[in-house]
Structure formats: structure tokens, C-alpha cells
Amino acid sequence: TTVTVDYLWTGNVRLAKVLDTGPVLASPESDADVVGVAASNAGVPVECAVGDWLRIGVGQYLPAAAVPDVGKIKAC
């Protein structure tokens, strides 16, 4: 069964578009625990960058390559 969910974003944080579906990791390391999934074309709130990783929430990281058009991001 497939479920499609649309969210209405009401926050004041700019969202960045995810390029491809991939795991959200618990820390900025490729072998970290998977804590979720970011779907292709999803909008994520990029908070800051740690090397080649983007933090999208507390304990939630994506590889920077997954969000190529994020623009200038501050370091964590």
C-alpha cells in the first residue's frame, strides 16, 4: 500500500529541495543510524552544515549532495 501525504509548511524557515530519496542519518557520518527518509522533491529546512553534511533538524543529517541548490549555509 502506498500513502501520499502533503504537508502545509507554515514555518518561517526557507525549505530546500531534496534531489533524490535517501536516508536521514542521526549524525554526520555515513555509518550513522538511519532515523528517517527524505523523499525526492521534498522540502527540508536546512539549519547548518558540517563538512559535506547538512543538518535538517536535531539529530537529522543529509549528505550535502542530496540538496544541491541549498545556497549559502552557515557552519554548525
PDB file of N, CA and C in Angstrom:
ATOM      1  N   THR A   1       0.835  -1.172   0.000  1.00  0.00           N
ATOM      2  CA  THR A   1       0.000   0.000   0.000  1.00  0.00           C
ATOM      3  C   THR A   1       0.886   1.245   0.000  1.00  0.00           C
ATOM      4  N   THR A   2       0.545   2.203  -0.804  1.00  0.00           N
ATOM      5  CA  THR A   2       1.278   3.462  -0.874  1.00  0.00           C
ATOM      6  C   THR A   2       0.391   4.576  -0.348  1.00  0.00           C
ATOM      7  N   VAL A   3       0.969   5.417   0.484  1.00  0.00           N
ATOM      8  CA  VAL A   3       0.243   6.558   1.033  1.00  0.00           C
ATOM      9  C   VAL A   3       0.966   7.820   0.608  1.00  0.00           C
ATOM     10  N   THR A   4       0.246   8.771   0.072  1.00  0.00           N
ATOM     11  CA  THR A   4       0.807  10.057  -0.302  1.00  0.00           C
ATOM     12  C   THR A   4       0.318  11.097   0.686  1.00  0.00           C
ATOM     13  N   VAL A   5       1.275  11.858   1.251  1.00  0.00           N
ATOM     14  CA  VAL A   5       0.934  12.860   2.246  1.00  0.00           C
ATOM     15  C   VAL A   5       1.467  14.201   1.780  1.00  0.00           C
ATOM     16  N   ASP A   6       0.650  15.221   1.852  1.00  0.00           N
ATOM     17  CA  ASP A   6       1.069  16.592   1.570  1.00  0.00           C
ATOM     18  C   ASP A   6       1.026  17.366   2.876  1.00  0.00           C
ATOM     19  N   TYR A   7       2.098  18.143   3.144  1.00  0.00           N
ATOM     20  CA  TYR A   7       2.158  18.959   4.340  1.00  0.00           C
ATOM     21  C   TYR A   7       2.089  20.428   3.948  1.00  0.00           C
ATOM     22  N   LEU A   8       1.418  21.206   4.741  1.00  0.00           N
ATOM     23  CA  LEU A   8       1.386  22.644   4.552  1.00  0.00           C
ATOM     24  C   LEU A   8       2.419  23.235   5.495  1.00  0.00           C
ATOM     25  N   TRP A   9       3.531  23.745   4.942  1.00  0.00           N
ATOM     26  CA  TRP A   9       4.606  24.293   5.761  1.00  0.00           C
ATOM     27  C   TRP A   9       4.218  25.703   6.170  1.00  0.00           C
ATOM     28  N   THR A  10       4.143  25.937   7.473  1.00  0.00           N
ATOM     29  CA  THR A  10       3.765  27.260   7.965  1.00  0.00           C
ATOM     30  C   THR A  10       4.890  27.948   8.727  1.00  0.00           C
ATOM     31  N   GLY A  11       6.056  27.351   8.741  1.00  0.00           N
ATOM     32  CA  GLY A  11       7.197  27.937   9.452  1.00  0.00           C
ATOM     33  C   GLY A  11       7.812  29.077   8.673  1.00  0.00           C
ATOM     34  N   ASN A  12       8.757  29.763   9.309  1.00  0.00           N
ATOM     35  CA  ASN A  12       9.420  30.885   8.650  1.00  0.00           C
ATOM     36  C   ASN A  12      10.811  30.519   8.145  1.00  0.00           C
ATOM     37  N   VAL A  13      11.141  29.225   8.127  1.00  0.00           N
ATOM     38  CA  VAL A  13      12.425  28.746   7.638  1.00  0.00           C
ATOM     39  C   VAL A  13      12.289  28.386   6.160  1.00  0.00           C
ATOM     40  N   ARG A  14      13.249  28.859   5.347  1.00  0.00           N
ATOM     41  CA  ARG A  14      13.227  28.520   3.919  1.00  0.00           C
ATOM     42  C   ARG A  14      13.514  27.032   3.751  1.00  0.00           C
ATOM     43  N   LEU A  15      12.768  26.384   2.884  1.00  0.00           N
ATOM     44  CA  LEU A  15      12.964  24.963   2.621  1.00  0.00           C
ATOM     45  C   LEU A  15      13.814  24.778   1.375  1.00  0.00           C
ATOM     46  N   ALA A  16      14.641  23.739   1.386  1.00  0.00           N
ATOM     47  CA  ALA A  16      15.474  23.391   0.241  1.00  0.00           C
ATOM     48  C   ALA A  16      14.985  22.056  -0.311  1.00  0.00           C
ATOM     49  N   LYS A  17      15.042  21.907  -1.617  1.00  0.00           N
ATOM     50  CA  LYS A  17      14.508  20.722  -2.294  1.00  0.00           C
ATOM     51  C   LYS A  17      15.518  19.574  -2.316  1.00  0.00           C
ATOM     52  N   VAL A  18      15.062  18.393  -1.906  1.00  0.00           N
ATOM     53  CA  VAL A  18      15.881  17.176  -1.921  1.00  0.00           C
ATOM     54  C   VAL A  18      15.909  16.630  -3.342  1.00  0.00           C
ATOM     55  N   LEU A  19      17.090  16.287  -3.846  1.00  0.00           N
ATOM     56  CA  LEU A  19      17.254  15.794  -5.209  1.00  0.00           C
ATOM     57  C   LEU A  19      16.747  14.362  -5.360  1.00  0.00           C
ATOM     58  N   ASP A  20      17.229  13.438  -4.538  1.00  0.00           N
ATOM     59  CA  ASP A  20      16.858  12.029  -4.626  1.00  0.00           C
ATOM     60  C   ASP A  20      16.458  11.510  -3.251  1.00  0.00           C
ATOM     61  N   THR A  21      15.567  10.539  -3.231  1.00  0.00           N
ATOM     62  CA  THR A  21      15.168   9.912  -1.982  1.00  0.00           C
ATOM     63  C   THR A  21      16.364   9.237  -1.334  1.00  0.00           C
ATOM     64  N   GLY A  22      16.514   9.446  -0.036  1.00  0.00           N
ATOM     65  CA  GLY A  22      17.622   8.839   0.677  1.00  0.00           C
ATOM     66  C   GLY A  22      17.410   8.897   2.176  1.00  0.00           C
ATOM     67  N   PRO A  23      18.258   8.212   2.918  1.00  0.00           N
ATOM     68  CA  PRO A  23      18.096   8.161   4.366  1.00  0.00           C
ATOM     69  C   PRO A  23      18.501   9.461   5.061  1.00  0.00           C
ATOM     70  N   VAL A  24      17.838   9.726   6.163  1.00  0.00           N
ATOM     71  CA  VAL A  24      18.220  10.795   7.075  1.00  0.00           C
ATOM     72  C   VAL A  24      18.978  10.102   8.204  1.00  0.00           C
ATOM     73  N   LEU A  25      20.179  10.588   8.506  1.00  0.00           N
ATOM     74  CA  LEU A  25      21.042   9.921   9.479  1.00  0.00           C
ATOM     75  C   LEU A  25      21.091  10.677  10.809  1.00  0.00           C
ATOM     76  N   ALA A  26      21.407   9.949  11.880  1.00  0.00           N
ATOM     77  CA  ALA A  26      21.430  10.507  13.228  1.00  0.00           C
ATOM     78  C   ALA A  26      22.625  11.415  13.495  1.00  0.00           C
ATOM     79  N   SER A  27      23.673  11.292  12.694  1.00  0.00           N
ATOM     80  CA  SER A  27      24.861  12.129  12.849  1.00  0.00           C
ATOM     81  C   SER A  27      25.511  12.292  11.481  1.00  0.00           C
ATOM     82  N   PRO A  28      26.410  13.246  11.333  1.00  0.00           N
ATOM     83  CA  PRO A  28      27.031  13.493  10.031  1.00  0.00           C
ATOM     84  C   PRO A  28      28.134  12.498   9.692  1.00  0.00           C
ATOM     85  N   GLU A  29      27.765  11.226   9.629  1.00  0.00           N
ATOM     86  CA  GLU A  29      28.690  10.137   9.299  1.00  0.00           C
ATOM     87  C   GLU A  29      27.942   9.116   8.459  1.00  0.00           C
ATOM     88  N   SER A  30      28.579   8.586   7.437  1.00  0.00           N
ATOM     89  CA  SER A  30      27.904   7.659   6.524  1.00  0.00           C
ATOM     90  C   SER A  30      27.457   6.365   7.187  1.00  0.00           C
ATOM     91  N   ASP A  31      28.048   5.994   8.328  1.00  0.00           N
ATOM     92  CA  ASP A  31      27.643   4.763   9.004  1.00  0.00           C
ATOM     93  C   ASP A  31      26.730   5.019  10.210  1.00  0.00           C
ATOM     94  N   ALA A  32      26.188   6.228  10.316  1.00  0.00           N
ATOM     95  CA  ALA A  32      25.290   6.575  11.421  1.00  0.00           C
ATOM     96  C   ALA A  32      23.951   5.861  11.276  1.00  0.00           C
ATOM     97  N   ASP A  33      23.221   5.771  12.374  1.00  0.00           N
ATOM     98  CA  ASP A  33      21.895   5.152  12.356  1.00  0.00           C
ATOM     99  C   ASP A  33      20.950   5.949  11.467  1.00  0.00           C
ATOM    100  N   VAL A  34      20.099   5.235  10.745  1.00  0.00           N
ATOM    101  CA  VAL A  34      19.072   5.862   9.919  1.00  0.00           C
ATOM    102  C   VAL A  34      17.902   6.227  10.832  1.00  0.00           C
ATOM    103  N   VAL A  35      17.490   7.505  10.787  1.00  0.00           N
ATOM    104  CA  VAL A  35      16.384   7.963  11.630  1.00  0.00           C
ATOM    105  C   VAL A  35      15.162   8.392  10.819  1.00  0.00           C
ATOM    106  N   GLY A  36      15.267   8.291   9.506  1.00  0.00           N
ATOM    107  CA  GLY A  36      14.143   8.662   8.650  1.00  0.00           C
ATOM    108  C   GLY A  36      14.540   8.618   7.189  1.00  0.00           C
ATOM    109  N   VAL A  37      13.657   9.138   6.353  1.00  0.00           N
ATOM    110  CA  VAL A  37      13.886   9.170   4.913  1.00  0.00           C
ATOM    111  C   VAL A  37      13.444  10.531   4.390  1.00  0.00           C
ATOM    112  N   ALA A  38      14.255  11.111   3.521  1.00  0.00           N
ATOM    113  CA  ALA A  38      13.894  12.341   2.814  1.00  0.00           C
ATOM    114  C   ALA A  38      13.544  11.946   1.381  1.00  0.00           C
ATOM    115  N   ALA A  39      12.316  12.196   0.995  1.00  0.00           N
ATOM    116  CA  ALA A  39      11.834  11.798  -0.324  1.00  0.00           C
ATOM    117  C   ALA A  39      12.294  12.772  -1.400  1.00  0.00           C
ATOM    118  N   SER A  40      12.438  12.263  -2.604  1.00  0.00           N
ATOM    119  CA  SER A  40      12.782  13.082  -3.752  1.00  0.00           C
ATOM    120  C   SER A  40      11.777  14.223  -3.871  1.00  0.00           C
ATOM    121  N   ASN A  41      12.279  15.426  -4.092  1.00  0.00           N
ATOM    122  CA  ASN A  41      11.488  16.650  -4.246  1.00  0.00           C
ATOM    123  C   ASN A  41      10.886  17.176  -2.947  1.00  0.00           C
ATOM    124  N   ALA A  42      11.204  16.556  -1.811  1.00  0.00           N
ATOM    125  CA  ALA A  42      10.715  17.065  -0.529  1.00  0.00           C
ATOM    126  C   ALA A  42      11.424  18.366  -0.196  1.00  0.00           C
ATOM    127  N   GLY A  43      10.768  19.218   0.542  1.00  0.00           N
ATOM    128  CA  GLY A  43      11.381  20.437   1.041  1.00  0.00           C
ATOM    129  C   GLY A  43      11.855  20.209   2.460  1.00  0.00           C
ATOM    130  N   VAL A  44      13.118  20.492   2.732  1.00  0.00           N
ATOM    131  CA  VAL A  44      13.666  20.296   4.071  1.00  0.00           C
ATOM    132  C   VAL A  44      14.234  21.618   4.598  1.00  0.00           C
ATOM    133  N   PRO A  45      14.128  21.849   5.902  1.00  0.00           N
ATOM    134  CA  PRO A  45      14.676  23.066   6.494  1.00  0.00           C
ATOM    135  C   PRO A  45      16.148  22.888   6.849  1.00  0.00           C
ATOM    136  N   VAL A  46      17.044  23.316   5.999  1.00  0.00           N
ATOM    137  CA  VAL A  46      18.476  23.161   6.247  1.00  0.00           C
ATOM    138  C   VAL A  46      18.906  24.207   7.276  1.00  0.00           C
ATOM    139  N   GLU A  47      19.405  23.713   8.431  1.00  0.00           N
ATOM    140  CA  GLU A  47      19.793  24.603   9.524  1.00  0.00           C
ATOM    141  C   GLU A  47      21.247  25.050   9.431  1.00  0.00           C
ATOM    142  N   CYS A  48      22.131  24.111   9.081  1.00  0.00           N
ATOM    143  CA  CYS A  48      23.549  24.418   9.017  1.00  0.00           C
ATOM    144  C   CYS A  48      24.284  23.254   8.363  1.00  0.00           C
ATOM    145  N   ALA A  49      25.598  23.425   8.171  1.00  0.00           N
ATOM    146  CA  ALA A  49      26.411  22.410   7.506  1.00  0.00           C
ATOM    147  C   ALA A  49      27.566  21.974   8.399  1.00  0.00           C
ATOM    148  N   VAL A  50      27.876  20.675   8.311  1.00  0.00           N
ATOM    149  CA  VAL A  50      29.028  20.082   8.992  1.00  0.00           C
ATOM    150  C   VAL A  50      29.811  19.355   7.906  1.00  0.00           C
ATOM    151  N   GLY A  51      30.850  19.983   7.374  1.00  0.00           N
ATOM    152  CA  GLY A  51      31.578  19.374   6.267  1.00  0.00           C
ATOM    153  C   GLY A  51      30.655  19.170   5.077  1.00  0.00           C
ATOM    154  N   ASP A  52      30.541  17.929   4.623  1.00  0.00           N
ATOM    155  CA  ASP A  52      29.688  17.586   3.476  1.00  0.00           C
ATOM    156  C   ASP A  52      28.302  17.128   3.905  1.00  0.00           C
ATOM    157  N   TRP A  53      27.878  17.520   5.101  1.00  0.00           N
ATOM    158  CA  TRP A  53      26.579  17.116   5.637  1.00  0.00           C
ATOM    159  C   TRP A  53      25.745  18.335   5.991  1.00  0.00           C
ATOM    160  N   LEU A  54      24.433  18.204   5.836  1.00  0.00           N
ATOM    161  CA  LEU A  54      23.512  19.272   6.190  1.00  0.00           C
ATOM    162  C   LEU A  54      22.639  18.811   7.343  1.00  0.00           C
ATOM    163  N   ARG A  55      22.508  19.643   8.365  1.00  0.00           N
ATOM    164  CA  ARG A  55      21.602  19.314   9.468  1.00  0.00           C
ATOM    165  C   ARG A  55      20.234  19.881   9.136  1.00  0.00           C
ATOM    166  N   ILE A  56      19.227  19.014   9.140  1.00  0.00           N
ATOM    167  CA  ILE A  56      17.858  19.435   8.836  1.00  0.00           C
ATOM    168  C   ILE A  56      16.979  19.403  10.083  1.00  0.00           C
ATOM    169  N   GLY A  57      17.563  19.067  11.208  1.00  0.00           N
ATOM    170  CA  GLY A  57      16.863  19.024  12.481  1.00  0.00           C
ATOM    171  C   GLY A  57      17.799  18.436  13.519  1.00  0.00           C
ATOM    172  N   VAL A  58      17.374  18.430  14.757  1.00  0.00           N
ATOM    173  CA  VAL A  58      18.192  17.865  15.824  1.00  0.00           C
ATOM    174  C   VAL A  58      18.368  16.374  15.566  1.00  0.00           C
ATOM    175  N   GLY A  59      19.626  15.938  15.421  1.00  0.00           N
ATOM    176  CA  GLY A  59      19.906  14.531  15.154  1.00  0.00           C
ATOM    177  C   GLY A  59      19.420  14.054  13.799  1.00  0.00           C
ATOM    178  N   GLN A  60      19.370  14.966  12.804  1.00  0.00           N
ATOM    179  CA  GLN A  60      18.907  14.625  11.453  1.00  0.00           C
ATOM    180  C   GLN A  60      19.846  15.261  10.431  1.00  0.00           C
ATOM    181  N   TYR A  61      20.534  14.406   9.664  1.00  0.00           N
ATOM    182  CA  TYR A  61      21.531  14.874   8.701  1.00  0.00           C
ATOM    183  C   TYR A  61      21.329  14.233   7.334  1.00  0.00           C
ATOM    184  N   LEU A  62      21.585  15.018   6.305  1.00  0.00           N
ATOM    185  CA  LEU A  62      21.574  14.550   4.921  1.00  0.00           C
ATOM    186  C   LEU A  62      22.923  14.877   4.297  1.00  0.00           C
ATOM    187  N   PRO A  63      23.388  14.048   3.349  1.00  0.00           N
ATOM    188  CA  PRO A  63      24.586  14.439   2.605  1.00  0.00           C
ATOM    189  C   PRO A  63      24.284  15.714   1.807  1.00  0.00           C
ATOM    190  N   ALA A  64      25.234  16.627   1.735  1.00  0.00           N
ATOM    191  CA  ALA A  64      25.026  17.879   1.011  1.00  0.00           C
ATOM    192  C   ALA A  64      24.655  17.632  -0.451  1.00  0.00           C
ATOM    193  N   ALA A  65      25.137  16.557  -1.042  1.00  0.00           N
ATOM    194  CA  ALA A  65      24.823  16.242  -2.438  1.00  0.00           C
ATOM    195  C   ALA A  65      23.334  15.975  -2.646  1.00  0.00           C
ATOM    196  N   ALA A  66      22.618  15.628  -1.591  1.00  0.00           N
ATOM    197  CA  ALA A  66      21.179  15.350  -1.703  1.00  0.00           C
ATOM    198  C   ALA A  66      20.367  16.629  -1.862  1.00  0.00           C
ATOM    199  N   VAL A  67      20.970  17.768  -1.517  1.00  0.00           N
ATOM    200  CA  VAL A  67      20.272  19.058  -1.585  1.00  0.00           C
ATOM    201  C   VAL A  67      21.198  20.048  -2.303  1.00  0.00           C
ATOM    202  N   PRO A  68      21.345  19.912  -3.619  1.00  0.00           N
ATOM    203  CA  PRO A  68      22.358  20.677  -4.350  1.00  0.00           C
ATOM    204  C   PRO A  68      22.095  22.182  -4.456  1.00  0.00           C
ATOM    205  N   ASP A  69      20.859  22.617  -4.369  1.00  0.00           N
ATOM    206  CA  ASP A  69      20.551  24.039  -4.543  1.00  0.00           C
ATOM    207  C   ASP A  69      20.251  24.729  -3.209  1.00  0.00           C
ATOM    208  N   VAL A  70      20.985  24.363  -2.176  1.00  0.00           N
ATOM    209  CA  VAL A  70      20.702  24.891  -0.844  1.00  0.00           C
ATOM    210  C   VAL A  70      21.170  26.332  -0.665  1.00  0.00           C
ATOM    211  N   GLY A  71      22.110  26.766  -1.464  1.00  0.00           N
ATOM    212  CA  GLY A  71      22.632  28.125  -1.304  1.00  0.00           C
ATOM    213  C   GLY A  71      23.662  28.186  -0.198  1.00  0.00           C
ATOM    214  N   LYS A  72      23.921  29.395   0.291  1.00  0.00           N
ATOM    215  CA  LYS A  72      24.926  29.589   1.338  1.00  0.00           C
ATOM    216  C   LYS A  72      24.339  29.175   2.693  1.00  0.00           C
ATOM    217  N   ILE A  73      25.060  28.311   3.398  1.00  0.00           N
ATOM    218  CA  ILE A  73      24.614  27.785   4.688  1.00  0.00           C
ATOM    219  C   ILE A  73      25.719  28.025   5.712  1.00  0.00           C
ATOM    220  N   LYS A  74      25.322  28.420   6.918  1.00  0.00           N
ATOM    221  CA  LYS A  74      26.316  28.621   7.987  1.00  0.00           C
ATOM    222  C   LYS A  74      26.814  27.271   8.505  1.00  0.00           C
ATOM    223  N   ALA A  75      27.978  27.284   9.113  1.00  0.00           N
ATOM    224  CA  ALA A  75      28.536  26.072   9.732  1.00  0.00           C
ATOM    225  C   ALA A  75      27.817  25.803  11.057  1.00  0.00           C
ATOM    226  N   CYS A  76      27.707  24.530  11.397  1.00  0.00           N
ATOM    227  CA  CYS A  76      27.084  24.143  12.681  1.00  0.00           C
ATOM    228  C   CYS A  76      28.063  24.355  13.808  1.00  0.00           C
TER     229      CYS A  76
END
